[in-house]
Amino acid sequence: MGSSNTGTSLLELILLWGNRKFSTEIV
């Protein structure tokens, strides 16, 4: 988790959202 870097947090959120969407599409 990047507290100092906002970009890291944003990227993590996008990755998490993408992973959820991808998982939902498969299932």
Protein backbone atom coordinates (compact mmCIF):
# COMPACT_ATOMS: atom_id res chain seq x y z
CA MET A 1 0.00 0.00 0.00
CA GLY A 2 1.52 3.33 -1.01
CA SER A 3 0.73 6.04 1.48
CA SER A 4 3.44 8.39 0.22
CA ASN A 5 2.72 7.80 -3.46
CA THR A 6 -0.81 8.59 -4.59
CA GLY A 7 -0.13 6.98 -7.95
CA THR A 8 0.47 3.64 -6.28
CA SER A 9 -2.87 3.81 -4.47
CA LEU A 10 -4.65 4.78 -7.66
CA LEU A 11 -2.98 1.97 -9.56
CA GLU A 12 -3.91 -0.49 -6.84
CA LEU A 13 -7.54 0.61 -7.00
CA ILE A 14 -7.59 0.21 -10.78
CA LEU A 15 -5.95 -3.20 -10.53
CA LEU A 16 -8.41 -4.32 -7.86
CA TRP A 17 -11.38 -3.03 -9.87
CA GLY A 18 -10.06 -4.65 -13.05
CA ASN A 19 -9.50 -7.93 -11.24
CA ARG A 20 -13.06 -7.91 -9.91
CA LYS A 21 -14.50 -7.12 -13.34
CA PHE A 22 -12.35 -9.80 -14.94
CA SER A 23 -13.42 -12.36 -12.35
CA THR A 24 -17.07 -11.44 -12.83
CA GLU A 25 -16.74 -11.80 -16.58
CA ILE A 26 -15.23 -15.26 -16.24
CA VAL A 27 -17.86 -16.37 -13.73
